[in-house]
């Protein structure tokens, strides 16, 4: 078995996001490590309470990393010796923890710093919009005409754009008129992965420079950059891409291509949510694909990985 591990971004956060991992013994160290960066509050409690706190940018980025790292720990010995890991947006940082390149405490601290840098660089009145049903070239031209930026390449006919919210609303109407199947302004306030956050890239680069990466263990998954789908061989290059992806277009389609080329025949999204699994089913039609949240228990995930 060759396993592709996909680590989610913030879009799928919900109060039940830790239900499968909350009581897993192997995951307890991750929950404990998150409490200091969440002001002493347990991440499971933050999620269960829901509300505005769950959807705040800083809290959300930390919780996404907790979700990925706790699930990976919970899988234990069921994890494949041949695996590849890629993360979407904040999931790209979590991938460095799953890939054995950063300690969990460093991942969680950096998630907080990343969010703080993005919030400081963001003005008001900005956001993102998701468009499906137009070619990426057509979408990029449409974004340019409306003073927006292509933020994420999800697939050949699917992308995310960022900019001022009135311009995004106009762009969505134009996209629908041009034949888009879906064009909607997303419930986020940060124009992630656009040049509007160049200052956040600079600040996060400084934070990364103060972090000590680790040598991954022999059985660690192959780490793919969420920026461009390239395998991370040189630490310095990989860290620079972690900083750049805040203000540069993400090529998630290239990440899925990398998983397919590596020979992935199983794909598992470590939540929250299942958006990446949905995209992977199209990009890797011969693979068996699931999101963690599609299972009723961690034991079920382990059984699927072991027996399928």
Foldseek 3Di string as FASTA:
>chain_A
DEEEEEQEALPQQALCLCVFQPPQPQLVVLQVLLCVVVVNDGLNVQSNVDDPSCVQQLNSLLSSLSLLVSLLRSLPPLDDLHYAYDYAQSGLLSLLCLQQFAPSSLSNVLSNLLSVLQVVLADFQKFKKKWFDQAPVVLQVLQVVLVKHFAEALDRGIGMIMDGPVSLVVSQVVRVVVPIPDIGTDPDGTRFAAQSSVRSLVSSLVSVVPGHTDDGDSSGYFYARQAALHTDDDPVVNSNSSSNRRHHHGYNLSVLVNCVVSPAQEYEYRDDDCPVQVSNCVSNVNHHTDYPVVDPHSVVVSCVSVPD
